[in-house]
C-alpha atoms as a PDB file:
ATOM      1  CA  MET A   1       5.452  19.796  27.105  1.00  0.00           C
ATOM      2  CA  PRO A   2       3.884  23.185  28.020  1.00  0.00           C
ATOM      3  CA  CYS A   3       0.445  23.726  26.491  1.00  0.00           C
ATOM      4  CA  ARG A   4       1.531  26.743  24.418  1.00  0.00           C
ATOM      5  CA  GLN A   5       4.479  24.851  22.961  1.00  0.00           C
ATOM      6  CA  TRP A   6       2.241  21.847  22.166  1.00  0.00           C
ATOM      7  CA  HIS A   7      -0.273  23.981  20.277  1.00  0.00           C
ATOM      8  CA  ALA A   8       2.507  25.778  18.405  1.00  0.00           C
ATOM      9  CA  GLN A   9       4.006  22.442  17.335  1.00  0.00           C
ATOM     10  CA  ARG A  10       0.599  21.149  16.279  1.00  0.00           C
ATOM     11  CA  SER A  11      -0.104  24.286  14.209  1.00  0.00           C
ATOM     12  CA  LEU A  12       3.285  23.971  12.521  1.00  0.00           C
ATOM     13  CA  PHE A  13       2.638  20.316  11.769  1.00  0.00           C
ATOM     14  CA  VAL A  14      -0.809  20.992  10.298  1.00  0.00           C
ATOM     15  CA  LEU A  15       0.572  23.694   8.001  1.00  0.00           C
ATOM     16  CA  ALA A  16       3.526  21.560   6.944  1.00  0.00           C
ATOM     17  CA  SER A  17       1.280  18.537   6.376  1.00  0.00           C
ATOM     18  CA  ILE A  18      -1.155  20.444   4.192  1.00  0.00           C
ATOM     19  CA  LEU A  19       1.628  21.856   2.039  1.00  0.00           C
ATOM     20  CA  GLY A  20       3.428  18.509   1.916  1.00  0.00           C
ATOM     21  CA  ALA A  21       0.301  16.553   1.072  1.00  0.00           C
ATOM     22  CA  LEU A  22      -0.581  18.901  -1.754  1.00  0.00           C
ATOM     23  CA  ALA A  23       2.925  18.709  -3.169  1.00  0.00           C
ATOM     24  CA  ALA A  24       3.083  14.937  -2.833  1.00  0.00           C
ATOM     25  CA  ILE A  25      -0.061  14.177  -4.815  1.00  0.00           C
ATOM     26  CA  PRO A  26       0.933  13.940  -8.504  1.00  0.00           C
ATOM     27  CA  PRO A  27      -1.149  15.362 -11.360  1.00  0.00           C
ATOM     28  CA  GLY A  28      -4.109  13.089 -11.924  1.00  0.00           C
ATOM     29  CA  VAL A  29      -5.155  10.392  -9.485  1.00  0.00           C
ATOM     30  CA  GLN A  30      -2.655   7.654 -10.233  1.00  0.00           C
ATOM     31  CA  SER A  31       0.465   7.337  -8.124  1.00  0.00           C
ATOM     32  CA  ILE A  32       3.254   4.757  -8.011  1.00  0.00           C
ATOM     33  CA  GLY A  33       5.215   4.263  -4.834  1.00  0.00           C
ATOM     34  CA  VAL A  34       7.437   1.593  -3.372  1.00  0.00           C
ATOM     35  CA  CYS A  35       7.408  -0.444  -0.174  1.00  0.00           C
ATOM     36  CA  TYR A  36      10.448   0.027   2.044  1.00  0.00           C
ATOM     37  CA  GLY A  37      11.550  -2.985   4.072  1.00  0.00           C
ATOM     38  CA  VAL A  38      14.396  -3.128   6.569  1.00  0.00           C
ATOM     39  CA  ASP A  39      14.999  -6.884   6.709  1.00  0.00           C
ATOM     40  CA  GLY A  40      17.765  -6.906   4.134  1.00  0.00           C
ATOM     41  CA  ASP A  41      21.483  -6.582   4.846  1.00  0.00           C
ATOM     42  CA  ASP A  42      23.942  -3.860   3.919  1.00  0.00           C
ATOM     43  CA  LEU A  43      21.104  -1.490   3.026  1.00  0.00           C
ATOM     44  CA  PRO A  44      21.791   2.074   1.826  1.00  0.00           C
ATOM     45  CA  SER A  45      21.512   4.849   4.407  1.00  0.00           C
ATOM     46  CA  ALA A  46      18.161   6.540   4.907  1.00  0.00           C
ATOM     47  CA  SER A  47      19.327   9.683   3.123  1.00  0.00           C
ATOM     48  CA  ASP A  48      20.611   7.608   0.199  1.00  0.00           C
ATOM     49  CA  VAL A  49      17.274   5.802  -0.040  1.00  0.00           C
ATOM     50  CA  VAL A  50      15.354   9.081  -0.201  1.00  0.00           C
ATOM     51  CA  GLN A  51      17.731  10.391  -2.866  1.00  0.00           C
ATOM     52  CA  LEU A  52      17.220   7.134  -4.764  1.00  0.00           C
ATOM     53  CA  TYR A  53      13.472   7.764  -4.743  1.00  0.00           C
ATOM     54  CA  LYS A  54      13.915  11.322  -5.958  1.00  0.00           C
ATOM     55  CA  ASP A  55      16.315  10.308  -8.720  1.00  0.00           C
ATOM     56  CA  ASN A  56      13.824   7.746 -10.025  1.00  0.00           C
ATOM     57  CA  GLY A  57      10.642   9.814  -9.779  1.00  0.00           C
ATOM     58  CA  ILE A  58       9.154   7.742  -6.943  1.00  0.00           C
ATOM     59  CA  ASP A  59       6.545   9.966  -5.313  1.00  0.00           C
ATOM     60  CA  SER A  60       5.368   7.834  -2.382  1.00  0.00           C
ATOM     61  CA  VAL A  61       6.629   5.172  -0.003  1.00  0.00           C
ATOM     62  CA  ARG A  62       5.123   2.634   2.354  1.00  0.00           C
ATOM     63  CA  ILE A  63       7.014   2.024   5.601  1.00  0.00           C
ATOM     64  CA  TYR A  64       5.948  -0.973   7.694  1.00  0.00           C
ATOM     65  CA  SER A  65       7.004   0.439  11.070  1.00  0.00           C
ATOM     66  CA  PRO A  66       8.282   3.767  12.350  1.00  0.00           C
ATOM     67  CA  ASP A  67      11.885   4.388  11.355  1.00  0.00           C
ATOM     68  CA  ALA A  68      13.154   7.657  12.816  1.00  0.00           C
ATOM     69  CA  ASP A  69      16.164   7.902  10.501  1.00  0.00           C
ATOM     70  CA  LEU A  70      14.092   7.362   7.377  1.00  0.00           C
ATOM     71  CA  LEU A  71      11.318   9.700   8.517  1.00  0.00           C
ATOM     72  CA  GLN A  72      13.878  12.392   9.236  1.00  0.00           C
ATOM     73  CA  ALA A  73      15.412  11.870   5.788  1.00  0.00           C
ATOM     74  CA  LEU A  74      11.950  12.111   4.198  1.00  0.00           C
ATOM     75  CA  SER A  75      11.273  15.446   5.899  1.00  0.00           C
ATOM     76  CA  GLY A  76      10.824  18.160   3.287  1.00  0.00           C
ATOM     77  CA  SER A  77      11.116  15.677   0.403  1.00  0.00           C
ATOM     78  CA  ASP A  78       7.438  15.887  -0.689  1.00  0.00           C
ATOM     79  CA  ILE A  79       7.408  12.081  -0.891  1.00  0.00           C
ATOM     80  CA  ALA A  80       4.070  10.893   0.477  1.00  0.00           C
ATOM     81  CA  VAL A  81       4.321   8.367   3.299  1.00  0.00           C
ATOM     82  CA  THR A  82       2.147   5.459   4.352  1.00  0.00           C
ATOM     83  CA  LEU A  83       3.313   4.618   7.869  1.00  0.00           C
ATOM     84  CA  GLY A  84       2.544   1.222   9.348  1.00  0.00           C
ATOM     85  CA  VAL A  85       1.666   0.183  12.859  1.00  0.00           C
ATOM     86  CA  PRO A  86       3.414  -3.209  13.284  1.00  0.00           C
ATOM     87  CA  ASN A  87       1.053  -6.101  13.994  1.00  0.00           C
ATOM     88  CA  ALA A  88       2.723  -6.654  17.367  1.00  0.00           C
ATOM     89  CA  ASP A  89       1.745  -3.125  18.466  1.00  0.00           C
ATOM     90  CA  VAL A  90      -1.908  -3.162  17.402  1.00  0.00           C
ATOM     91  CA  ALA A  91      -3.282  -4.658  20.627  1.00  0.00           C
ATOM     92  CA  SER A  92      -1.568  -2.022  22.781  1.00  0.00           C
ATOM     93  CA  LEU A  93      -3.280   0.746  20.822  1.00  0.00           C
ATOM     94  CA  THR A  94      -6.610  -0.911  21.539  1.00  0.00           C
ATOM     95  CA  SER A  95      -6.205  -1.432  25.278  1.00  0.00           C
ATOM     96  CA  ASP A  96      -5.453   2.194  26.163  1.00  0.00           C
ATOM     97  CA  PRO A  97      -6.294   5.250  23.987  1.00  0.00           C
ATOM     98  CA  SER A  98      -3.376   7.120  25.563  1.00  0.00           C
ATOM     99  CA  ASN A  99      -1.052   4.649  23.840  1.00  0.00           C
ATOM    100  CA  ALA A 100      -2.440   5.768  20.487  1.00  0.00           C
ATOM    101  CA  THR A 101      -1.955   9.392  21.488  1.00  0.00           C
ATOM    102  CA  ALA A 102       1.662   8.666  22.380  1.00  0.00           C
ATOM    103  CA  TRP A 103       2.192   6.712  19.150  1.00  0.00           C
ATOM    104  CA  VAL A 104       0.927   9.620  17.043  1.00  0.00           C
ATOM    105  CA  ARG A 105       3.004  12.089  19.083  1.00  0.00           C
ATOM    106  CA  ASP A 106       6.226  10.096  18.732  1.00  0.00           C
ATOM    107  CA  ASN A 107       5.886   8.896  15.151  1.00  0.00           C
ATOM    108  CA  VAL A 108       3.826  11.544  13.385  1.00  0.00           C
ATOM    109  CA  LEU A 109       3.889  14.869  15.225  1.00  0.00           C
ATOM    110  CA  ALA A 110       7.613  14.485  15.834  1.00  0.00           C
ATOM    111  CA  PHE A 111       8.171  14.759  12.060  1.00  0.00           C
ATOM    112  CA  PRO A 112       6.277  17.858  10.884  1.00  0.00           C
ATOM    113  CA  GLY A 113       8.112  17.994   7.562  1.00  0.00           C
ATOM    114  CA  VAL A 114       6.938  14.542   6.450  1.00  0.00           C
ATOM    115  CA  ALA A 115       3.997  14.316   4.037  1.00  0.00           C
ATOM    116  CA  PHE A 116       2.079  11.553   5.811  1.00  0.00           C
ATOM    117  CA  ARG A 117      -0.814  10.243   3.711  1.00  0.00           C
ATOM    118  CA  TYR A 118      -2.014   7.089   5.514  1.00  0.00           C
ATOM    119  CA  ILE A 119      -1.508   5.218   8.762  1.00  0.00           C
ATOM    120  CA  ALA A 120      -1.816   1.466   8.134  1.00  0.00           C
ATOM    121  CA  VAL A 121      -2.892  -0.204  11.368  1.00  0.00           C
ATOM    122  CA  GLY A 122      -1.473  -3.688  10.879  1.00  0.00           C
ATOM    123  CA  ASN A 123      -0.509  -5.617   7.778  1.00  0.00           C
ATOM    124  CA  GLU A 124      -2.504  -8.748   6.905  1.00  0.00           C
ATOM    125  CA  VAL A 125      -3.495  -9.215  10.548  1.00  0.00           C
ATOM    126  CA  ASP A 126      -4.998 -12.643  11.131  1.00  0.00           C
ATOM    127  CA  GLY A 127      -6.005 -14.989  13.910  1.00  0.00           C
ATOM    128  CA  GLY A 128      -6.987 -13.734  17.355  1.00  0.00           C
ATOM    129  CA  ASP A 129      -5.552 -10.254  16.771  1.00  0.00           C
ATOM    130  CA  THR A 130      -8.138  -9.293  14.172  1.00  0.00           C
ATOM    131  CA  GLY A 131     -10.534  -8.049  16.841  1.00  0.00           C
ATOM    132  CA  SER A 132      -7.991  -5.401  17.847  1.00  0.00           C
ATOM    133  CA  VAL A 133      -7.661  -3.797  14.430  1.00  0.00           C
ATOM    134  CA  LEU A 134     -10.800  -1.627  14.339  1.00  0.00           C
ATOM    135  CA  PRO A 135     -10.508  -0.330  17.931  1.00  0.00           C
ATOM    136  CA  ALA A 136      -6.866   0.541  17.245  1.00  0.00           C
ATOM    137  CA  MET A 137      -7.867   2.333  14.038  1.00  0.00           C
ATOM    138  CA  ARG A 138     -10.453   4.329  15.968  1.00  0.00           C
ATOM    139  CA  ASN A 139      -7.944   5.304  18.645  1.00  0.00           C
ATOM    140  CA  ILE A 140      -5.295   6.352  16.122  1.00  0.00           C
ATOM    141  CA  ARG A 141      -7.863   8.429  14.261  1.00  0.00           C
ATOM    142  CA  SER A 142      -8.992  10.063  17.525  1.00  0.00           C
ATOM    143  CA  ALA A 143      -5.378  10.968  18.273  1.00  0.00           C
ATOM    144  CA  LEU A 144      -4.978  12.443  14.794  1.00  0.00           C
ATOM    145  CA  SER A 145      -8.250  14.329  15.210  1.00  0.00           C
ATOM    146  CA  ALA A 146      -7.059  15.845  18.489  1.00  0.00           C
ATOM    147  CA  ALA A 147      -4.000  17.093  16.604  1.00  0.00           C
ATOM    148  CA  GLY A 148      -6.146  18.518  13.782  1.00  0.00           C
ATOM    149  CA  LEU A 149      -4.904  15.945  11.284  1.00  0.00           C
ATOM    150  CA  ALA A 150      -7.802  13.505  10.785  1.00  0.00           C
ATOM    151  CA  ASP A 151      -8.775  15.097   7.465  1.00  0.00           C
ATOM    152  CA  ILE A 152      -5.174  15.056   6.202  1.00  0.00           C
ATOM    153  CA  ILE A 153      -3.900  11.652   7.308  1.00  0.00           C
ATOM    154  CA  LYS A 154      -6.298   8.762   6.752  1.00  0.00           C
ATOM    155  CA  VAL A 155      -6.315   5.644   8.910  1.00  0.00           C
ATOM    156  CA  SER A 156      -6.703   2.208   7.326  1.00  0.00           C
ATOM    157  CA  THR A 157      -5.378  -1.350   7.500  1.00  0.00           C
ATOM    158  CA  ALA A 158      -3.657  -3.514   4.884  1.00  0.00           C
ATOM    159  CA  VAL A 159      -5.319  -6.792   3.867  1.00  0.00           C
ATOM    160  CA  HIS A 160      -4.686  -9.613   1.409  1.00  0.00           C
ATOM    161  CA  VAL A 161      -6.904 -11.475  -1.033  1.00  0.00           C
ATOM    162  CA  GLY A 162      -7.439 -14.222   1.534  1.00  0.00           C
ATOM    163  CA  ILE A 163     -10.087 -12.102   3.258  1.00  0.00           C
ATOM    164  CA  LEU A 164     -12.321 -12.622   0.222  1.00  0.00           C
ATOM    165  CA  ALA A 165     -14.695 -15.582   0.296  1.00  0.00           C
ATOM    166  CA  VAL A 166     -15.226 -15.144  -3.438  1.00  0.00           C
ATOM    167  CA  SER A 167     -12.891 -13.367  -5.828  1.00  0.00           C
ATOM    168  CA  PHE A 168     -14.024 -14.842  -9.147  1.00  0.00           C
ATOM    169  CA  PRO A 169     -15.831 -13.611 -11.035  1.00  0.00           C
ATOM    170  CA  PRO A 170     -14.795 -10.153  -9.790  1.00  0.00           C
ATOM    171  CA  SER A 171     -18.382  -8.941  -9.491  1.00  0.00           C
ATOM    172  CA  ALA A 172     -19.156 -11.712  -6.964  1.00  0.00           C
ATOM    173  CA  GLY A 173     -16.590 -10.598  -4.380  1.00  0.00           C
ATOM    174  CA  THR A 174     -17.555 -10.993  -0.709  1.00  0.00           C
ATOM    175  CA  PHE A 175     -15.713 -10.974   2.631  1.00  0.00           C
ATOM    176  CA  ASN A 176     -15.079 -14.229   4.450  1.00  0.00           C
ATOM    177  CA  ARG A 177     -13.962 -12.466   7.644  1.00  0.00           C
ATOM    178  CA  SER A 178     -16.768 -11.039   9.791  1.00  0.00           C
ATOM    179  CA  TYR A 179     -14.508  -8.366  11.299  1.00  0.00           C
ATOM    180  CA  MET A 180     -13.978  -6.770   7.880  1.00  0.00           C
ATOM    181  CA  THR A 181     -17.509  -5.405   7.351  1.00  0.00           C
ATOM    182  CA  PRO A 182     -17.308  -3.021  10.350  1.00  0.00           C
ATOM    183  CA  ILE A 183     -13.843  -1.962   9.191  1.00  0.00           C
ATOM    184  CA  ALA A 184     -15.185  -1.267   5.691  1.00  0.00           C
ATOM    185  CA  LYS A 185     -17.995   0.848   7.104  1.00  0.00           C
ATOM    186  CA  PHE A 186     -15.521   2.744   9.312  1.00  0.00           C
ATOM    187  CA  LEU A 187     -13.421   3.504   6.235  1.00  0.00           C
ATOM    188  CA  GLN A 188     -16.494   4.774   4.420  1.00  0.00           C
ATOM    189  CA  SER A 189     -17.472   7.009   7.339  1.00  0.00           C
ATOM    190  CA  THR A 190     -13.989   8.545   7.514  1.00  0.00           C
ATOM    191  CA  GLY A 191     -13.258   8.823   3.788  1.00  0.00           C
ATOM    192  CA  ALA A 192     -10.273   6.473   4.015  1.00  0.00           C
ATOM    193  CA  PRO A 193      -9.340   3.824   1.435  1.00  0.00           C
ATOM    194  CA  LEU A 194      -8.894   0.111   1.989  1.00  0.00           C
ATOM    195  CA  LEU A 195      -5.248  -0.888   1.597  1.00  0.00           C
ATOM    196  CA  ALA A 196      -5.076  -4.132  -0.374  1.00  0.00           C
ATOM    197  CA  ASN A 197      -1.994  -6.246  -1.102  1.00  0.00           C
ATOM    198  CA  VAL A 198      -2.565  -7.510  -4.650  1.00  0.00           C
ATOM    199  CA  TYR A 199      -0.234 -10.135  -6.132  1.00  0.00           C
ATOM    200  CA  PRO A 200      -1.197 -11.669  -9.484  1.00  0.00           C
ATOM    201  CA  TYR A 201       1.992 -13.728  -9.142  1.00  0.00           C
ATOM    202  CA  TYR A 202       0.639 -15.698  -6.195  1.00  0.00           C
ATOM    203  CA  SER A 203      -2.771 -16.096  -7.788  1.00  0.00           C
ATOM    204  CA  TYR A 204      -1.078 -17.379 -10.928  1.00  0.00           C
ATOM    205  CA  ILE A 205       1.133 -19.976  -9.228  1.00  0.00           C
ATOM    206  CA  SER A 206      -1.844 -21.186  -7.187  1.00  0.00           C
ATOM    207  CA  ASN A 207      -3.800 -21.777 -10.401  1.00  0.00           C
ATOM    208  CA  GLU A 208      -1.013 -22.299 -12.920  1.00  0.00           C
ATOM    209  CA  GLY A 209      -2.980 -24.760 -14.992  1.00  0.00           C
ATOM    210  CA  ALA A 210      -5.983 -22.465 -15.275  1.00  0.00           C
ATOM    211  CA  VAL A 211      -4.402 -18.997 -15.601  1.00  0.00           C
ATOM    212  CA  ASP A 212      -2.395 -17.810 -18.598  1.00  0.00           C
ATOM    213  CA  ILE A 213       0.923 -16.196 -17.665  1.00  0.00           C
ATOM    214  CA  ASN A 214       0.155 -13.333 -20.062  1.00  0.00           C
ATOM    215  CA  TYR A 215      -3.019 -12.578 -18.126  1.00  0.00           C
ATOM    216  CA  ALA A 216      -0.906 -12.215 -14.976  1.00  0.00           C
ATOM    217  CA  LEU A 217       1.817 -10.096 -16.622  1.00  0.00           C
ATOM    218  CA  PHE A 218      -0.463  -7.557 -18.392  1.00  0.00           C
ATOM    219  CA  THR A 219       0.606  -8.966 -21.772  1.00  0.00           C
ATOM    220  CA  SER A 220      -2.626 -10.557 -23.008  1.00  0.00           C
ATOM    221  CA  SER A 221      -3.598  -9.319 -26.445  1.00  0.00           C
ATOM    222  CA  GLY A 222      -7.314  -9.108 -25.701  1.00  0.00           C
ATOM    223  CA  THR A 223     -10.109  -9.934 -23.279  1.00  0.00           C
ATOM    224  CA  VAL A 224      -9.492 -13.038 -21.175  1.00  0.00           C
ATOM    225  CA  VAL A 225     -12.412 -12.916 -18.735  1.00  0.00           C
ATOM    226  CA  ASP A 226     -15.972 -11.792 -19.414  1.00  0.00           C
ATOM    227  CA  ASP A 227     -17.551 -11.033 -16.057  1.00  0.00           C
ATOM    228  CA  ILE A 228     -21.250 -11.743 -15.557  1.00  0.00           C
ATOM    229  CA  SER A 229     -21.634  -8.017 -14.854  1.00  0.00           C
ATOM    230  CA  GLY A 230     -20.558  -7.185 -18.392  1.00  0.00           C
ATOM    231  CA  TYR A 231     -17.071  -5.999 -17.465  1.00  0.00           C
ATOM    232  CA  GLN A 232     -14.220  -7.446 -19.508  1.00  0.00           C
ATOM    233  CA  TYR A 233     -10.784  -8.216 -18.127  1.00  0.00           C
ATOM    234  CA  GLN A 234      -7.500  -8.289 -20.008  1.00  0.00           C
ATOM    235  CA  ASN A 235      -5.284  -8.689 -16.920  1.00  0.00           C
ATOM    236  CA  LEU A 236      -5.488 -10.413 -13.556  1.00  0.00           C
ATOM    237  CA  PHE A 237      -4.526  -7.310 -11.581  1.00  0.00           C
ATOM    238  CA  ASP A 238      -7.712  -5.486 -12.605  1.00  0.00           C
ATOM    239  CA  ALA A 239      -9.826  -8.532 -11.831  1.00  0.00           C
ATOM    240  CA  MET A 240      -8.349  -8.785  -8.326  1.00  0.00           C
ATOM    241  CA  VAL A 241      -8.762  -5.085  -7.577  1.00  0.00           C
ATOM    242  CA  ASP A 242     -12.357  -5.120  -8.825  1.00  0.00           C
ATOM    243  CA  ALA A 243     -13.072  -8.143  -6.626  1.00  0.00           C
ATOM    244  CA  PHE A 244     -12.170  -5.913  -3.660  1.00  0.00           C
ATOM    245  CA  TYR A 245     -14.460  -3.174  -4.985  1.00  0.00           C
ATOM    246  CA  SER A 246     -17.334  -5.642  -5.363  1.00  0.00           C
ATOM    247  CA  THR A 247     -16.674  -6.927  -1.860  1.00  0.00           C
ATOM    248  CA  LEU A 248     -16.824  -3.407  -0.426  1.00  0.00           C
ATOM    249  CA  GLU A 249     -20.107  -2.819  -2.242  1.00  0.00           C
ATOM    250  CA  ASP A 250     -21.472  -6.078  -0.833  1.00  0.00           C
ATOM    251  CA  ALA A 251     -20.475  -4.882   2.658  1.00  0.00           C
ATOM    252  CA  GLY A 252     -22.358  -1.604   2.241  1.00  0.00           C
ATOM    253  CA  ALA A 253     -19.192   0.440   1.751  1.00  0.00           C
ATOM    254  CA  GLY A 254     -19.238   1.041  -1.979  1.00  0.00           C
ATOM    255  CA  ASN A 255     -17.720   4.526  -1.717  1.00  0.00           C
ATOM    256  CA  VAL A 256     -14.448   3.237  -0.292  1.00  0.00           C
ATOM    257  CA  ASP A 257     -11.485   3.434  -2.653  1.00  0.00           C
ATOM    258  CA  VAL A 258      -8.898   0.681  -2.959  1.00  0.00           C
ATOM    259  CA  VAL A 259      -5.215   1.566  -2.681  1.00  0.00           C
ATOM    260  CA  VAL A 260      -2.921  -1.246  -3.794  1.00  0.00           C
ATOM    261  CA  SER A 261      -0.536  -1.227  -0.850  1.00  0.00           C
ATOM    262  CA  GLU A 262       1.701  -4.012  -2.211  1.00  0.00           C
ATOM    263  CA  SER A 263       2.233  -5.610  -5.592  1.00  0.00           C
ATOM    264  CA  GLY A 264       5.203  -7.076  -7.361  1.00  0.00           C
ATOM    265  CA  TRP A 265       6.826 -10.069  -9.023  1.00  0.00           C
ATOM    266  CA  PRO A 266       9.884 -12.030  -7.823  1.00  0.00           C
ATOM    267  CA  SER A 267      12.983 -12.320  -9.983  1.00  0.00           C
ATOM    268  CA  THR A 268      14.213 -15.711  -8.695  1.00  0.00           C
ATOM    269  CA  GLY A 269      12.855 -18.792  -6.980  1.00  0.00           C
ATOM    270  CA  SER A 270      10.343 -20.483  -9.300  1.00  0.00           C
ATOM    271  CA  ASN A 271       9.892 -21.380 -12.955  1.00  0.00           C
ATOM    272  CA  VAL A 272       8.142 -18.057 -13.658  1.00  0.00           C
ATOM    273  CA  ALA A 273      10.124 -15.943 -11.178  1.00  0.00           C
ATOM    274  CA  SER A 274      12.672 -14.323 -13.457  1.00  0.00           C
ATOM    275  CA  ALA A 275      14.262 -10.920 -13.922  1.00  0.00           C
ATOM    276  CA  SER A 276      12.469 -10.625 -17.261  1.00  0.00           C
ATOM    277  CA  ASN A 277       9.037 -11.336 -15.801  1.00  0.00           C
ATOM    278  CA  ALA A 278       9.702  -9.088 -12.796  1.00  0.00           C
ATOM    279  CA  GLN A 279      10.630  -6.240 -15.117  1.00  0.00           C
ATOM    280  CA  THR A 280       7.645  -6.880 -17.375  1.00  0.00           C
ATOM    281  CA  TYR A 281       5.174  -6.964 -14.509  1.00  0.00           C
ATOM    282  CA  SER A 282       6.493  -3.886 -12.696  1.00  0.00           C
ATOM    283  CA  GLN A 283       6.775  -1.760 -15.831  1.00  0.00           C
ATOM    284  CA  ASN A 284       3.358  -2.769 -17.083  1.00  0.00           C
ATOM    285  CA  LEU A 285       1.846  -2.043 -13.679  1.00  0.00           C
ATOM    286  CA  ILE A 286       3.374   1.436 -13.722  1.00  0.00           C
ATOM    287  CA  ASN A 287       2.093   2.013 -17.242  1.00  0.00           C
ATOM    288  CA  HIS A 288      -1.355   0.719 -16.359  1.00  0.00           C
ATOM    289  CA  VAL A 289      -2.342   2.496 -13.130  1.00  0.00           C
ATOM    290  CA  GLY A 290      -3.535   5.621 -14.893  1.00  0.00           C
ATOM    291  CA  GLN A 291      -6.235   3.603 -16.668  1.00  0.00           C
ATOM    292  CA  GLY A 292      -7.924   2.277 -13.546  1.00  0.00           C
ATOM    293  CA  THR A 293      -9.984  -0.905 -13.694  1.00  0.00           C
ATOM    294  CA  PRO A 294     -13.095  -1.804 -15.709  1.00  0.00           C
ATOM    295  CA  LYS A 295     -15.238  -1.229 -12.622  1.00  0.00           C
ATOM    296  CA  ARG A 296     -13.412   1.961 -11.580  1.00  0.00           C
ATOM    297  CA  PRO A 297     -11.826   3.550 -14.653  1.00  0.00           C
ATOM    298  CA  VAL A 298      -9.924   6.174 -12.672  1.00  0.00           C
ATOM    299  CA  GLY A 299      -6.266   6.285 -11.697  1.00  0.00           C
ATOM    300  CA  ILE A 300      -5.011   3.805  -9.121  1.00  0.00           C
ATOM    301  CA  GLU A 301      -2.586   4.447  -6.290  1.00  0.00           C
ATOM    302  CA  ALA A 302      -0.214   1.489  -6.039  1.00  0.00           C
ATOM    303  CA  TYR A 303       2.981   0.517  -4.213  1.00  0.00           C
ATOM    304  CA  ILE A 304       5.523  -1.911  -5.670  1.00  0.00           C
ATOM    305  CA  PHE A 305       7.211  -4.359  -3.311  1.00  0.00           C
ATOM    306  CA  ALA A 306       9.999  -3.625  -2.579  1.00  0.00           C
ATOM    307  CA  THR A 307      12.922  -1.198  -2.609  1.00  0.00           C
ATOM    308  CA  SER A 308      15.454  -3.931  -1.795  1.00  0.00           C
ATOM    309  CA  SER A 309      15.286  -7.717  -1.708  1.00  0.00           C
ATOM    310  CA  ASP A 310      14.539  -9.197   1.710  1.00  0.00           C
ATOM    311  CA  VAL A 311      17.430 -11.631   1.899  1.00  0.00           C
ATOM    312  CA  GLN A 312      16.709 -12.388   5.564  1.00  0.00           C
ATOM    313  CA  ASN A 313      13.182 -13.610   4.882  1.00  0.00           C
ATOM    314  CA  THR A 314      12.797 -17.180   6.117  1.00  0.00           C
ATOM    315  CA  GLY A 315       9.888 -18.039   3.818  1.00  0.00           C
ATOM    316  CA  ALA A 316       9.923 -19.350   0.268  1.00  0.00           C
ATOM    317  CA  GLU A 317      12.927 -18.539  -1.907  1.00  0.00           C
ATOM    318  CA  THR A 318      10.835 -16.186  -4.049  1.00  0.00           C
ATOM    319  CA  GLN A 319      10.064 -13.997  -1.021  1.00  0.00           C
ATOM    320  CA  ARG A 320      13.713 -12.984  -0.893  1.00  0.00           C
ATOM    321  CA  HIS A 321      13.783 -11.654  -4.449  1.00  0.00           C
ATOM    322  CA  PHE A 322      11.284  -8.847  -4.942  1.00  0.00           C
ATOM    323  CA  GLY A 323      13.859  -6.051  -4.775  1.00  0.00           C
ATOM    324  CA  LEU A 324      13.770  -3.254  -7.339  1.00  0.00           C
ATOM    325  CA  PHE A 325      17.249  -1.990  -6.457  1.00  0.00           C
ATOM    326  CA  LYS A 326      20.561  -3.681  -5.724  1.00  0.00           C
ATOM    327  CA  ARG A 327      22.756  -2.911  -2.724  1.00  0.00           C
ATOM    328  CA  ASP A 328      24.802  -0.473  -4.838  1.00  0.00           C
ATOM    329  CA  LYS A 329      21.541   1.429  -5.598  1.00  0.00           C
ATOM    330  CA  SER A 330      21.495   0.401  -9.244  1.00  0.00           C
ATOM    331  CA  MET A 331      18.266  -1.070 -10.605  1.00  0.00           C
ATOM    332  CA  ALA A 332      17.849  -4.822 -10.402  1.00  0.00           C
ATOM    333  CA  HIS A 333      16.144  -4.528 -13.798  1.00  0.00           C
ATOM    334  CA  PRO A 334      15.441  -1.333 -15.794  1.00  0.00           C
ATOM    335  CA  ILE A 335      12.158   0.354 -14.841  1.00  0.00           C
ATOM    336  CA  ASP A 336      10.802   3.772 -15.754  1.00  0.00           C
ATOM    337  CA  PHE A 337       8.713   4.937 -12.799  1.00  0.00           C
ATOM    338  CA  VAL A 338       7.231   7.791 -14.808  1.00  0.00           C
ATOM    339  CA  GLY A 339       5.510   5.202 -16.995  1.00  0.00           C
ATOM    340  CA  GLY A 340       4.196   5.361 -20.520  1.00  0.00           C
ATOM    341  CA  THR A 341       1.608   3.683 -22.680  1.00  0.00           C
ATOM    342  CA  ASP A 342      -0.742   1.196 -21.075  1.00  0.00           C
ATOM    343  CA  PRO A 343       0.007  -2.345 -22.284  1.00  0.00           C
END
């Protein structure tokens, strides 16, 4: 690409991104989005999916890997996008910075009308690949910086509660993965949030005898947990999110925000996986995000998993039944994404 054309494209992208980002951020801090997976069958077209989001007031979406058709459909929609780097691609972005430059060119700059908000470098990366995450994040951010976008599109990674050595009480949170402290400090230095997958459902079924179902579903009538810090918890979601905040503080990165990059409740597959509980959890989460947590009483940005059920998932039966919408685009269970009164 000739230099003049490259700079013209970059300038257009920067302008479009600024306007898109401003339009995509809703009044106040809280935001509810959905996670878009492509492992189902007979899924709606990309344009139908985007229209579905618009019709239901969904202002942001998390995509786990670049999808040209969906990104093109999202162009000009003002729907904020978290775009994932698949785990299998993380190492290649570490080994050669030019690979990160090409990735940003092909998957970000190629779509100037998309309101990109975050790049998630890997999702719940574990094992020997964890050492590649931070270098890949640095290289992606450098590529964004070269395009004038590092202050508009933040680079992070998505993690799960398993990276916490301690999660209860929430104020005692600490990392049990040594690679996470440098990542936390990188996020603090760049002003990016930590993306955390937060599932009270899984915490509940792992401790079913010790955790009240109402505490997991946001339906407790009063305080359930008194933290040693003095904070009081009426729901498990807040306790889990605050455990991440305490962990970041312990790592010397107390200014890093937490974005809940996945949360949800299955509708089939276990004794508490029901359409009723899935509806209750999702609606109460939507209603609750504007309140923040006891430790951070400001609005939360959260993404509900997922647009459609992942019927091709080979894991537990419940993993195939998190879908918010059916194949005909009707709701699996009624949900108001605009939200209302906190439970």
